């Protein structure tokens, strides 16, 4: 029997790597796009399909349109739902971030409910659905974050992107519990880094690395801590979540927790003076003053800069069996890909 997987968001930074792995494993991938005439959005995946044993099908669908995924889901054994807005640049947080994330998830899972063939749904969530601000760990009296924790500090007003991720994931769990045919498995990546499959990627991860390498933070980098994970490992986690029958629940992904300062040190070790890297840490007081110039709120700076986090990724390693790419290799491959593709100006 043909193994058919519906993939939403498959043209994105993470999604492209997931679709590539599926095609290379021989799956038939039904890739949903908003407009099939915009060939430049998925040409890199068509190229992969030509050399892979799997088959790529293109279906038009829209996150905001109810019923949009119903036809594409018919006959699929599983759905990998990766489509969700990831942007820090928006006019209306509810309209541009929260509603598309929540309603899109509901629309896709309604399609799963209507397709008798669907037995598994893999959802791309985020560490942002586990915690909103770094200070959350201290305020909640935690020694670390793990899969049992849900973000309680974000809202439409404060950290709206993080709020969109926790709201969408909670909507997914509500729908999953209301039925017993398909199983929901969730992937919660931390800050995703690594090479892009296309030079036209508009990922915030690419924008962050470009800013680091081209001098936007030359006078000082923020003392911010993140979990970091390679985009190729995130894709592998999706495949494992799809194929491992014992996979269940949520899976927090991070190769390590590191600060932006740590990242800069690694880049300097790898590339010396090739790029306009930050010269020093930016004092928090200065960050408070200039935050709006960088698209950040002062409340974000207060609750995140200088605060430590710890992430427990035991489940991803022991249950999924995920083997993480070393952070240094991730940064090296990412910078070299961006340079080769002319993404650094």
C-alpha atoms as a PDB file:
ATOM      1  CA  UNK A   1       0.000   0.000   0.000  1.00  0.00           C
ATOM      2  CA  UNK A   2       1.261   3.464  -0.873  1.00  0.00           C
ATOM      3  CA  UNK A   3       2.340   5.504   2.150  1.00  0.00           C
ATOM      4  CA  UNK A   4       0.845   8.960   1.673  1.00  0.00           C
ATOM      5  CA  UNK A   5       1.686  11.831   4.000  1.00  0.00           C
ATOM      6  CA  UNK A   6      -0.016  15.228   3.975  1.00  0.00           C
ATOM      7  CA  UNK A   7       2.544  17.941   4.781  1.00  0.00           C
ATOM      8  CA  UNK A   8       1.477  21.482   5.614  1.00  0.00           C
ATOM      9  CA  UNK A   9       4.111  24.209   5.798  1.00  0.00           C
ATOM     10  CA  UNK A  10       6.467  22.014   3.821  1.00  0.00           C
ATOM     11  CA  UNK A  11       8.067  24.866   1.880  1.00  0.00           C
ATOM     12  CA  UNK A  12       9.380  26.578   5.021  1.00  0.00           C
ATOM     13  CA  UNK A  13      12.776  26.480   6.699  1.00  0.00           C
ATOM     14  CA  UNK A  14      12.019  23.381   8.814  1.00  0.00           C
ATOM     15  CA  UNK A  15       9.339  22.003   6.530  1.00  0.00           C
ATOM     16  CA  UNK A  16      11.616  21.750   3.498  1.00  0.00           C
ATOM     17  CA  UNK A  17      14.002  19.460   5.380  1.00  0.00           C
ATOM     18  CA  UNK A  18      11.085  17.327   6.625  1.00  0.00           C
ATOM     19  CA  UNK A  19       9.681  16.938   3.115  1.00  0.00           C
ATOM     20  CA  UNK A  20      13.158  16.064   1.832  1.00  0.00           C
ATOM     21  CA  UNK A  21      13.524  13.264   4.396  1.00  0.00           C
ATOM     22  CA  UNK A  22      10.043  11.926   3.588  1.00  0.00           C
ATOM     23  CA  UNK A  23      10.785  11.864  -0.139  1.00  0.00           C
ATOM     24  CA  UNK A  24      14.146  10.195   0.448  1.00  0.00           C
ATOM     25  CA  UNK A  25      12.381   7.516   2.537  1.00  0.00           C
ATOM     26  CA  UNK A  26      10.028   6.796  -0.353  1.00  0.00           C
ATOM     27  CA  UNK A  27       6.828   8.409   0.913  1.00  0.00           C
ATOM     28  CA  UNK A  28       4.312  10.088  -1.332  1.00  0.00           C
ATOM     29  CA  UNK A  29       4.115  13.628   0.024  1.00  0.00           C
ATOM     30  CA  UNK A  30       1.053  15.780  -0.541  1.00  0.00           C
ATOM     31  CA  UNK A  31       2.533  19.241  -0.145  1.00  0.00           C
ATOM     32  CA  UNK A  32      -0.011  21.990   0.493  1.00  0.00           C
ATOM     33  CA  UNK A  33       0.729  25.451  -0.895  1.00  0.00           C
ATOM     34  CA  UNK A  34      -1.422  28.553  -1.096  1.00  0.00           C
ATOM     35  CA  UNK A  35      -0.717  29.144  -4.784  1.00  0.00           C
ATOM     36  CA  UNK A  36       0.642  26.485  -7.143  1.00  0.00           C
ATOM     37  CA  UNK A  37       1.581  29.145  -9.689  1.00  0.00           C
ATOM     38  CA  UNK A  38       4.341  30.427  -7.354  1.00  0.00           C
ATOM     39  CA  UNK A  39       6.768  27.760  -8.469  1.00  0.00           C
ATOM     40  CA  UNK A  40       9.753  29.472  -6.832  1.00  0.00           C
ATOM     41  CA  UNK A  41       8.322  28.537  -3.414  1.00  0.00           C
ATOM     42  CA  UNK A  42       8.659  24.795  -3.981  1.00  0.00           C
ATOM     43  CA  UNK A  43      11.075  24.369  -6.911  1.00  0.00           C
ATOM     44  CA  UNK A  44      13.806  23.133  -4.534  1.00  0.00           C
ATOM     45  CA  UNK A  45      11.494  20.332  -3.367  1.00  0.00           C
ATOM     46  CA  UNK A  46      10.602  19.344  -6.916  1.00  0.00           C
ATOM     47  CA  UNK A  47      14.325  18.994  -7.551  1.00  0.00           C
ATOM     48  CA  UNK A  48      14.638  16.716  -4.505  1.00  0.00           C
ATOM     49  CA  UNK A  49      11.663  14.633  -5.675  1.00  0.00           C
ATOM     50  CA  UNK A  50      13.229  14.053  -9.085  1.00  0.00           C
ATOM     51  CA  UNK A  51      16.205  12.313  -7.475  1.00  0.00           C
ATOM     52  CA  UNK A  52      14.316  10.585  -4.618  1.00  0.00           C
ATOM     53  CA  UNK A  53      12.254   7.377  -4.528  1.00  0.00           C
ATOM     54  CA  UNK A  54       9.259   9.240  -3.102  1.00  0.00           C
ATOM     55  CA  UNK A  55       6.671  11.218  -5.048  1.00  0.00           C
ATOM     56  CA  UNK A  56       5.672  14.862  -4.571  1.00  0.00           C
ATOM     57  CA  UNK A  57       2.098  16.046  -5.112  1.00  0.00           C
ATOM     58  CA  UNK A  58       1.036  19.694  -4.946  1.00  0.00           C
ATOM     59  CA  UNK A  59      -2.304  20.653  -3.409  1.00  0.00           C
ATOM     60  CA  UNK A  60      -3.633  24.156  -2.819  1.00  0.00           C
ATOM     61  CA  UNK A  61      -4.883  24.955   0.681  1.00  0.00           C
ATOM     62  CA  UNK A  62      -5.167  27.944   2.998  1.00  0.00           C
ATOM     63  CA  UNK A  63      -4.772  27.842   6.794  1.00  0.00           C
ATOM     64  CA  UNK A  64      -7.513  30.405   7.260  1.00  0.00           C
ATOM     65  CA  UNK A  65     -10.121  28.672   5.093  1.00  0.00           C
ATOM     66  CA  UNK A  66     -12.247  25.995   6.839  1.00  0.00           C
ATOM     67  CA  UNK A  67     -12.372  22.737   4.898  1.00  0.00           C
ATOM     68  CA  UNK A  68      -9.340  23.728   2.844  1.00  0.00           C
ATOM     69  CA  UNK A  69      -7.403  20.550   3.739  1.00  0.00           C
ATOM     70  CA  UNK A  70     -10.280  18.070   3.647  1.00  0.00           C
ATOM     71  CA  UNK A  71      -9.743  16.762   0.123  1.00  0.00           C
ATOM     72  CA  UNK A  72      -5.959  16.567   0.419  1.00  0.00           C
ATOM     73  CA  UNK A  73      -6.229  14.493   3.620  1.00  0.00           C
ATOM     74  CA  UNK A  74      -8.401  11.792   2.048  1.00  0.00           C
ATOM     75  CA  UNK A  75      -6.379   8.608   1.611  1.00  0.00           C
ATOM     76  CA  UNK A  76      -3.429   9.821   3.722  1.00  0.00           C
ATOM     77  CA  UNK A  77      -2.085   7.629   6.514  1.00  0.00           C
ATOM     78  CA  UNK A  78      -0.662  10.579   8.423  1.00  0.00           C
ATOM     79  CA  UNK A  79      -0.484  14.365   8.526  1.00  0.00           C
ATOM     80  CA  UNK A  80       2.593  16.400   9.403  1.00  0.00           C
ATOM     81  CA  UNK A  81       1.311  19.855  10.313  1.00  0.00           C
ATOM     82  CA  UNK A  82       4.103  22.426  10.208  1.00  0.00           C
ATOM     83  CA  UNK A  83       2.319  25.475   8.807  1.00  0.00           C
ATOM     84  CA  UNK A  84       2.164  28.355  11.276  1.00  0.00           C
ATOM     85  CA  UNK A  85       3.256  31.988  11.143  1.00  0.00           C
ATOM     86  CA  UNK A  86       6.769  32.581  12.535  1.00  0.00           C
ATOM     87  CA  UNK A  87       7.453  36.275  12.392  1.00  0.00           C
ATOM     88  CA  UNK A  88       8.367  39.018  14.820  1.00  0.00           C
ATOM     89  CA  UNK A  89       7.129  41.642  12.355  1.00  0.00           C
ATOM     90  CA  UNK A  90       3.359  42.090  12.416  1.00  0.00           C
ATOM     91  CA  UNK A  91       0.705  44.790  12.687  1.00  0.00           C
ATOM     92  CA  UNK A  92      -2.012  42.971  14.614  1.00  0.00           C
ATOM     93  CA  UNK A  93      -0.868  40.062  16.816  1.00  0.00           C
ATOM     94  CA  UNK A  94      -4.218  38.310  16.989  1.00  0.00           C
ATOM     95  CA  UNK A  95      -4.958  38.657  13.282  1.00  0.00           C
ATOM     96  CA  UNK A  96      -1.443  37.976  11.989  1.00  0.00           C
ATOM     97  CA  UNK A  97      -0.177  35.381  14.488  1.00  0.00           C
ATOM     98  CA  UNK A  98      -2.652  33.878  16.920  1.00  0.00           C
ATOM     99  CA  UNK A  99      -5.729  33.333  14.743  1.00  0.00           C
ATOM    100  CA  UNK A 100      -3.844  31.770  11.797  1.00  0.00           C
ATOM    101  CA  UNK A 101      -1.960  29.440  14.168  1.00  0.00           C
ATOM    102  CA  UNK A 102      -5.021  28.298  16.132  1.00  0.00           C
ATOM    103  CA  UNK A 103      -7.576  28.250  13.320  1.00  0.00           C
ATOM    104  CA  UNK A 104      -5.104  26.668  10.932  1.00  0.00           C
ATOM    105  CA  UNK A 105      -4.407  23.863  13.396  1.00  0.00           C
ATOM    106  CA  UNK A 106      -8.117  23.292  13.885  1.00  0.00           C
ATOM    107  CA  UNK A 107      -8.719  23.236  10.120  1.00  0.00           C
ATOM    108  CA  UNK A 108      -5.982  20.662   9.567  1.00  0.00           C
ATOM    109  CA  UNK A 109      -7.135  18.434  12.438  1.00  0.00           C
ATOM    110  CA  UNK A 110     -10.742  18.665  11.239  1.00  0.00           C
ATOM    111  CA  UNK A 111      -9.437  17.259   7.961  1.00  0.00           C
ATOM    112  CA  UNK A 112      -7.846  14.425   9.966  1.00  0.00           C
ATOM    113  CA  UNK A 113     -11.210  13.775  11.625  1.00  0.00           C
ATOM    114  CA  UNK A 114     -12.915  13.535   8.220  1.00  0.00           C
ATOM    115  CA  UNK A 115     -10.289  11.246   6.629  1.00  0.00           C
ATOM    116  CA  UNK A 116     -10.817   7.673   7.842  1.00  0.00           C
ATOM    117  CA  UNK A 117      -7.362   6.704   6.601  1.00  0.00           C
ATOM    118  CA  UNK A 118      -5.445   9.040   8.956  1.00  0.00           C
ATOM    119  CA  UNK A 119      -3.900   7.273  11.950  1.00  0.00           C
ATOM    120  CA  UNK A 120      -1.242   9.744  13.113  1.00  0.00           C
ATOM    121  CA  UNK A 121      -0.738  13.498  13.238  1.00  0.00           C
ATOM    122  CA  UNK A 122       2.694  14.991  13.904  1.00  0.00           C
ATOM    123  CA  UNK A 123       2.439  18.622  14.999  1.00  0.00           C
ATOM    124  CA  UNK A 124       5.297  21.120  14.914  1.00  0.00           C
ATOM    125  CA  UNK A 125       4.967  23.151  18.089  1.00  0.00           C
ATOM    126  CA  UNK A 126       7.809  24.970  19.852  1.00  0.00           C
ATOM    127  CA  UNK A 127       9.690  25.416  23.091  1.00  0.00           C
ATOM    128  CA  UNK A 128       7.617  28.629  23.173  1.00  0.00           C
ATOM    129  CA  UNK A 129       4.627  26.432  24.052  1.00  0.00           C
ATOM    130  CA  UNK A 130       6.592  25.179  27.086  1.00  0.00           C
ATOM    131  CA  UNK A 131       7.769  28.546  28.401  1.00  0.00           C
ATOM    132  CA  UNK A 132       7.369  32.155  27.348  1.00  0.00           C
ATOM    133  CA  UNK A 133      10.049  34.120  29.203  1.00  0.00           C
ATOM    134  CA  UNK A 134      13.341  32.848  30.597  1.00  0.00           C
ATOM    135  CA  UNK A 135      12.402  34.247  34.007  1.00  0.00           C
ATOM    136  CA  UNK A 136       9.443  31.811  34.041  1.00  0.00           C
ATOM    137  CA  UNK A 137      11.738  29.085  35.396  1.00  0.00           C
ATOM    138  CA  UNK A 138      12.623  31.160  38.455  1.00  0.00           C
ATOM    139  CA  UNK A 139       9.114  32.512  38.989  1.00  0.00           C
ATOM    140  CA  UNK A 140       7.596  29.021  38.866  1.00  0.00           C
ATOM    141  CA  UNK A 141      10.258  27.553  41.148  1.00  0.00           C
ATOM    142  CA  UNK A 142      11.510  25.117  38.500  1.00  0.00           C
ATOM    143  CA  UNK A 143      14.983  23.621  38.128  1.00  0.00           C
ATOM    144  CA  UNK A 144      14.394  22.997  34.421  1.00  0.00           C
ATOM    145  CA  UNK A 145      11.705  22.950  31.752  1.00  0.00           C
ATOM    146  CA  UNK A 146      10.407  19.655  30.360  1.00  0.00           C
ATOM    147  CA  UNK A 147       7.476  18.313  28.349  1.00  0.00           C
ATOM    148  CA  UNK A 148       5.082  18.559  31.303  1.00  0.00           C
ATOM    149  CA  UNK A 149       5.224  22.370  31.321  1.00  0.00           C
ATOM    150  CA  UNK A 150       3.024  24.740  29.350  1.00  0.00           C
ATOM    151  CA  UNK A 151       3.697  28.418  28.769  1.00  0.00           C
ATOM    152  CA  UNK A 152       1.692  30.468  31.277  1.00  0.00           C
ATOM    153  CA  UNK A 153       3.256  33.910  30.869  1.00  0.00           C
ATOM    154  CA  UNK A 154       2.582  34.861  27.230  1.00  0.00           C
ATOM    155  CA  UNK A 155      -0.444  36.686  25.882  1.00  0.00           C
ATOM    156  CA  UNK A 156      -1.606  38.565  22.809  1.00  0.00           C
ATOM    157  CA  UNK A 157       0.061  41.646  24.329  1.00  0.00           C
ATOM    158  CA  UNK A 158       3.265  40.099  25.721  1.00  0.00           C
ATOM    159  CA  UNK A 159       5.232  37.579  23.618  1.00  0.00           C
ATOM    160  CA  UNK A 160       2.367  37.048  21.109  1.00  0.00           C
ATOM    161  CA  UNK A 161       4.360  34.589  18.972  1.00  0.00           C
ATOM    162  CA  UNK A 162       4.901  32.362  22.006  1.00  0.00           C
ATOM    163  CA  UNK A 163       1.234  32.720  22.874  1.00  0.00           C
ATOM    164  CA  UNK A 164       0.238  31.637  19.358  1.00  0.00           C
ATOM    165  CA  UNK A 165       2.287  28.436  19.755  1.00  0.00           C
ATOM    166  CA  UNK A 166       0.866  27.415  23.123  1.00  0.00           C
ATOM    167  CA  UNK A 167      -2.693  28.300  22.049  1.00  0.00           C
ATOM    168  CA  UNK A 168      -2.377  26.241  18.851  1.00  0.00           C
ATOM    169  CA  UNK A 169      -0.870  23.243  20.633  1.00  0.00           C
ATOM    170  CA  UNK A 170      -3.511  23.272  23.356  1.00  0.00           C
ATOM    171  CA  UNK A 171      -6.224  23.416  20.673  1.00  0.00           C
ATOM    172  CA  UNK A 172      -4.601  20.376  19.038  1.00  0.00           C
ATOM    173  CA  UNK A 173      -4.562  18.382  22.271  1.00  0.00           C
ATOM    174  CA  UNK A 174      -8.205  19.261  22.899  1.00  0.00           C
ATOM    175  CA  UNK A 175      -9.177  17.899  19.474  1.00  0.00           C
ATOM    176  CA  UNK A 176      -6.954  14.830  19.842  1.00  0.00           C
ATOM    177  CA  UNK A 177      -8.600  13.889  23.142  1.00  0.00           C
ATOM    178  CA  UNK A 178     -12.067  14.220  21.602  1.00  0.00           C
ATOM    179  CA  UNK A 179     -11.489  11.247  19.243  1.00  0.00           C
ATOM    180  CA  UNK A 180      -9.730   7.862  19.328  1.00  0.00           C
ATOM    181  CA  UNK A 181      -8.751   7.064  15.715  1.00  0.00           C
ATOM    182  CA  UNK A 182      -5.610   9.143  15.165  1.00  0.00           C
ATOM    183  CA  UNK A 183      -2.708   9.685  17.540  1.00  0.00           C
ATOM    184  CA  UNK A 184      -1.153  13.110  18.092  1.00  0.00           C
ATOM    185  CA  UNK A 185       2.636  13.365  18.504  1.00  0.00           C
ATOM    186  CA  UNK A 186       4.140  16.822  19.102  1.00  0.00           C
ATOM    187  CA  UNK A 187       7.636  18.143  18.382  1.00  0.00           C
ATOM    188  CA  UNK A 188       8.779  21.161  20.458  1.00  0.00           C
ATOM    189  CA  UNK A 189      12.013  22.554  18.970  1.00  0.00           C
ATOM    190  CA  UNK A 190      14.023  25.269  20.669  1.00  0.00           C
ATOM    191  CA  UNK A 191      15.745  27.962  18.556  1.00  0.00           C
ATOM    192  CA  UNK A 192      16.289  26.262  15.184  1.00  0.00           C
ATOM    193  CA  UNK A 193      19.565  26.958  13.380  1.00  0.00           C
ATOM    194  CA  UNK A 194      21.439  25.401  10.482  1.00  0.00           C
ATOM    195  CA  UNK A 195      21.532  25.554   6.682  1.00  0.00           C
ATOM    196  CA  UNK A 196      18.485  26.465   4.632  1.00  0.00           C
ATOM    197  CA  UNK A 197      17.516  24.430   1.576  1.00  0.00           C
ATOM    198  CA  UNK A 198      16.689  27.597  -0.333  1.00  0.00           C
ATOM    199  CA  UNK A 199      18.306  31.012  -0.558  1.00  0.00           C
ATOM    200  CA  UNK A 200      14.857  32.636  -0.577  1.00  0.00           C
ATOM    201  CA  UNK A 201      14.026  31.549   2.980  1.00  0.00           C
ATOM    202  CA  UNK A 202      12.402  34.285   5.083  1.00  0.00           C
ATOM    203  CA  UNK A 203      12.947  32.409   8.356  1.00  0.00           C
ATOM    204  CA  UNK A 204      13.569  34.430  11.509  1.00  0.00           C
ATOM    205  CA  UNK A 205      16.465  32.059  12.203  1.00  0.00           C
ATOM    206  CA  UNK A 206      18.126  33.122   8.957  1.00  0.00           C
ATOM    207  CA  UNK A 207      17.423  36.783   9.757  1.00  0.00           C
ATOM    208  CA  UNK A 208      18.983  36.365  13.222  1.00  0.00           C
ATOM    209  CA  UNK A 209      22.148  34.803  11.817  1.00  0.00           C
ATOM    210  CA  UNK A 210      22.380  37.449   9.096  1.00  0.00           C
ATOM    211  CA  UNK A 211      22.179  40.169  11.756  1.00  0.00           C
ATOM    212  CA  UNK A 212      24.923  38.452  13.759  1.00  0.00           C
ATOM    213  CA  UNK A 213      27.273  38.127  10.792  1.00  0.00           C
ATOM    214  CA  UNK A 214      26.701  41.478   9.085  1.00  0.00           C
ATOM    215  CA  UNK A 215      27.191  43.866  11.998  1.00  0.00           C
ATOM    216  CA  UNK A 216      23.715  44.745  13.285  1.00  0.00           C
ATOM    217  CA  UNK A 217      24.874  43.825  16.793  1.00  0.00           C
ATOM    218  CA  UNK A 218      28.480  44.947  16.240  1.00  0.00           C
ATOM    219  CA  UNK A 219      28.468  47.241  19.277  1.00  0.00           C
ATOM    220  CA  UNK A 220      27.075  44.577  21.601  1.00  0.00           C
ATOM    221  CA  UNK A 221      25.134  41.305  21.667  1.00  0.00           C
ATOM    222  CA  UNK A 222      22.290  40.700  24.134  1.00  0.00           C
ATOM    223  CA  UNK A 223      22.925  38.334  27.040  1.00  0.00           C
ATOM    224  CA  UNK A 224      20.074  36.052  26.028  1.00  0.00           C
ATOM    225  CA  UNK A 225      19.938  32.299  26.571  1.00  0.00           C
ATOM    226  CA  UNK A 226      18.215  29.872  24.223  1.00  0.00           C
ATOM    227  CA  UNK A 227      18.050  26.202  23.578  1.00  0.00           C
ATOM    228  CA  UNK A 228      19.565  25.603  20.128  1.00  0.00           C
ATOM    229  CA  UNK A 229      18.871  22.742  17.723  1.00  0.00           C
ATOM    230  CA  UNK A 230      19.926  21.937  14.167  1.00  0.00           C
ATOM    231  CA  UNK A 231      17.189  22.206  11.534  1.00  0.00           C
ATOM    232  CA  UNK A 232      18.205  18.803  10.166  1.00  0.00           C
ATOM    233  CA  UNK A 233      17.757  17.257  13.615  1.00  0.00           C
ATOM    234  CA  UNK A 234      14.311  18.819  13.884  1.00  0.00           C
ATOM    235  CA  UNK A 235      13.418  17.212  10.554  1.00  0.00           C
ATOM    236  CA  UNK A 236      14.748  13.856  11.760  1.00  0.00           C
ATOM    237  CA  UNK A 237      12.649  14.199  14.931  1.00  0.00           C
ATOM    238  CA  UNK A 238       9.534  14.613  12.773  1.00  0.00           C
ATOM    239  CA  UNK A 239      10.369  11.446  10.870  1.00  0.00           C
ATOM    240  CA  UNK A 240      10.963   9.522  14.105  1.00  0.00           C
ATOM    241  CA  UNK A 241       7.713  10.863  15.572  1.00  0.00           C
ATOM    242  CA  UNK A 242       5.949   9.646  12.445  1.00  0.00           C
ATOM    243  CA  UNK A 243       7.506   6.194  12.232  1.00  0.00           C
ATOM    244  CA  UNK A 244       8.130   5.127  15.840  1.00  0.00           C
ATOM    245  CA  UNK A 245       4.961   3.468  17.106  1.00  0.00           C
ATOM    246  CA  UNK A 246       5.971   4.089  20.730  1.00  0.00           C
ATOM    247  CA  UNK A 247       6.336   7.843  20.160  1.00  0.00           C
ATOM    248  CA  UNK A 248       3.676   9.747  22.104  1.00  0.00           C
ATOM    249  CA  UNK A 249       3.074  13.135  23.657  1.00  0.00           C
ATOM    250  CA  UNK A 250       5.501  16.052  23.409  1.00  0.00           C
ATOM    251  CA  UNK A 251       9.212  16.082  22.591  1.00  0.00           C
ATOM    252  CA  UNK A 252      11.416  19.011  23.631  1.00  0.00           C
ATOM    253  CA  UNK A 253      14.366  19.429  21.243  1.00  0.00           C
ATOM    254  CA  UNK A 254      17.688  21.127  22.045  1.00  0.00           C
ATOM    255  CA  UNK A 255      21.284  20.110  21.463  1.00  0.00           C
ATOM    256  CA  UNK A 256      22.299  22.526  24.227  1.00  0.00           C
ATOM    257  CA  UNK A 257      21.357  25.700  26.038  1.00  0.00           C
ATOM    258  CA  UNK A 258      23.700  28.573  25.216  1.00  0.00           C
ATOM    259  CA  UNK A 259      23.761  32.353  25.263  1.00  0.00           C
ATOM    260  CA  UNK A 260      24.065  34.620  22.249  1.00  0.00           C
ATOM    261  CA  UNK A 261      27.518  35.454  23.636  1.00  0.00           C
ATOM    262  CA  UNK A 262      28.421  31.739  23.503  1.00  0.00           C
ATOM    263  CA  UNK A 263      27.220  31.622  19.889  1.00  0.00           C
ATOM    264  CA  UNK A 264      29.406  34.609  18.995  1.00  0.00           C
ATOM    265  CA  UNK A 265      32.442  32.946  20.611  1.00  0.00           C
ATOM    266  CA  UNK A 266      31.924  29.838  18.486  1.00  0.00           C
ATOM    267  CA  UNK A 267      31.587  31.903  15.313  1.00  0.00           C
ATOM    268  CA  UNK A 268      34.821  33.770  16.149  1.00  0.00           C
ATOM    269  CA  UNK A 269      36.609  30.467  16.699  1.00  0.00           C
ATOM    270  CA  UNK A 270      35.314  29.143  13.381  1.00  0.00           C
ATOM    271  CA  UNK A 271      35.727  32.209  11.174  1.00  0.00           C
ATOM    272  CA  UNK A 272      38.074  34.601  12.940  1.00  0.00           C
ATOM    273  CA  UNK A 273      37.551  38.158  11.679  1.00  0.00           C
ATOM    274  CA  UNK A 274      35.720  37.229   8.479  1.00  0.00           C
ATOM    275  CA  UNK A 275      32.407  38.640   9.726  1.00  0.00           C
ATOM    276  CA  UNK A 276      31.310  41.753  11.618  1.00  0.00           C
ATOM    277  CA  UNK A 277      30.530  39.895  14.804  1.00  0.00           C
ATOM    278  CA  UNK A 278      29.536  41.598  18.069  1.00  0.00           C
ATOM    279  CA  UNK A 279      32.515  42.968  19.961  1.00  0.00           C
ATOM    280  CA  UNK A 280      31.101  42.571  23.482  1.00  0.00           C
ATOM    281  CA  UNK A 281      27.991  41.790  25.531  1.00  0.00           C
ATOM    282  CA  UNK A 282      25.451  44.615  25.571  1.00  0.00           C
ATOM    283  CA  UNK A 283      24.686  45.832  29.129  1.00  0.00           C
ATOM    284  CA  UNK A 284      21.089  45.168  30.133  1.00  0.00           C
ATOM    285  CA  UNK A 285      20.546  48.843  30.971  1.00  0.00           C
ATOM    286  CA  UNK A 286      21.534  49.797  27.428  1.00  0.00           C
ATOM    287  CA  UNK A 287      19.314  47.035  26.029  1.00  0.00           C
ATOM    288  CA  UNK A 288      16.381  48.519  27.946  1.00  0.00           C
ATOM    289  CA  UNK A 289      17.011  51.886  26.292  1.00  0.00           C
ATOM    290  CA  UNK A 290      17.463  50.660  22.712  1.00  0.00           C
ATOM    291  CA  UNK A 291      15.040  47.700  22.752  1.00  0.00           C
ATOM    292  CA  UNK A 292      12.359  49.398  20.573  1.00  0.00           C
ATOM    293  CA  UNK A 293      14.980  50.035  17.855  1.00  0.00           C
ATOM    294  CA  UNK A 294      15.459  46.264  17.587  1.00  0.00           C
ATOM    295  CA  UNK A 295      11.762  45.433  17.645  1.00  0.00           C
ATOM    296  CA  UNK A 296      11.818  44.322  21.283  1.00  0.00           C
ATOM    297  CA  UNK A 297       9.715  45.497  24.194  1.00  0.00           C
ATOM    298  CA  UNK A 298      11.369  46.626  27.405  1.00  0.00           C
ATOM    299  CA  UNK A 299       9.288  44.040  29.232  1.00  0.00           C
ATOM    300  CA  UNK A 300      10.854  41.343  27.040  1.00  0.00           C
ATOM    301  CA  UNK A 301      14.341  42.599  27.925  1.00  0.00           C
ATOM    302  CA  UNK A 302      13.516  42.718  31.628  1.00  0.00           C
ATOM    303  CA  UNK A 303      12.125  39.168  31.715  1.00  0.00           C
ATOM    304  CA  UNK A 304      14.650  37.474  29.422  1.00  0.00           C
ATOM    305  CA  UNK A 305      18.043  39.178  29.256  1.00  0.00           C
ATOM    306  CA  UNK A 306      20.424  37.798  31.873  1.00  0.00           C
ATOM    307  CA  UNK A 307      18.115  34.980  32.999  1.00  0.00           C
ATOM    308  CA  UNK A 308      19.275  31.353  32.865  1.00  0.00           C
ATOM    309  CA  UNK A 309      17.200  28.468  31.520  1.00  0.00           C
ATOM    310  CA  UNK A 310      17.649  24.701  31.507  1.00  0.00           C
ATOM    311  CA  UNK A 311      15.887  22.285  29.169  1.00  0.00           C
ATOM    312  CA  UNK A 312      15.462  18.553  29.754  1.00  0.00           C
ATOM    313  CA  UNK A 313      15.737  16.754  26.403  1.00  0.00           C
ATOM    314  CA  UNK A 314      16.001  13.203  27.756  1.00  0.00           C
ATOM    315  CA  UNK A 315      12.806  12.075  26.043  1.00  0.00           C
ATOM    316  CA  UNK A 316      13.962  13.125  22.573  1.00  0.00           C
ATOM    317  CA  UNK A 317      17.230  11.237  23.064  1.00  0.00           C
ATOM    318  CA  UNK A 318      15.946   8.087  24.761  1.00  0.00           C
ATOM    319  CA  UNK A 319      12.443   7.606  23.320  1.00  0.00           C
ATOM    320  CA  UNK A 320      12.820   9.075  19.837  1.00  0.00           C
ATOM    321  CA  UNK A 321      16.471   8.031  19.673  1.00  0.00           C
ATOM    322  CA  UNK A 322      17.467  11.408  18.237  1.00  0.00           C
ATOM    323  CA  UNK A 323      21.197  12.026  17.842  1.00  0.00           C
ATOM    324  CA  UNK A 324      21.964  15.724  17.856  1.00  0.00           C
ATOM    325  CA  UNK A 325      24.341  17.542  15.533  1.00  0.00           C
ATOM    326  CA  UNK A 326      27.042  19.417  17.424  1.00  0.00           C
ATOM    327  CA  UNK A 327      26.292  23.128  17.790  1.00  0.00           C
ATOM    328  CA  UNK A 328      29.617  24.106  16.204  1.00  0.00           C
ATOM    329  CA  UNK A 329      28.826  22.085  13.087  1.00  0.00           C
ATOM    330  CA  UNK A 330      25.364  23.641  12.908  1.00  0.00           C
ATOM    331  CA  UNK A 331      26.751  27.185  12.963  1.00  0.00           C
ATOM    332  CA  UNK A 332      29.538  26.361  10.503  1.00  0.00           C
ATOM    333  CA  UNK A 333      27.187  24.793   7.979  1.00  0.00           C
ATOM    334  CA  UNK A 334      24.680  27.626   8.350  1.00  0.00           C
ATOM    335  CA  UNK A 335      27.180  30.444   7.845  1.00  0.00           C
ATOM    336  CA  UNK A 336      28.821  28.699   4.883  1.00  0.00           C
ATOM    337  CA  UNK A 337      25.456  28.034   3.219  1.00  0.00           C
ATOM    338  CA  UNK A 338      24.362  31.642   3.682  1.00  0.00           C
ATOM    339  CA  UNK A 339      27.673  32.913   2.296  1.00  0.00           C
ATOM    340  CA  UNK A 340      27.541  30.573  -0.711  1.00  0.00           C
ATOM    341  CA  UNK A 341      23.941  31.555  -1.495  1.00  0.00           C
ATOM    342  CA  UNK A 342      24.644  35.291  -1.336  1.00  0.00           C
ATOM    343  CA  UNK A 343      22.454  35.806   1.718  1.00  0.00           C
ATOM    344  CA  UNK A 344      24.955  38.021   3.535  1.00  0.00           C
ATOM    345  CA  UNK A 345      25.064  40.875   1.031  1.00  0.00           C
END
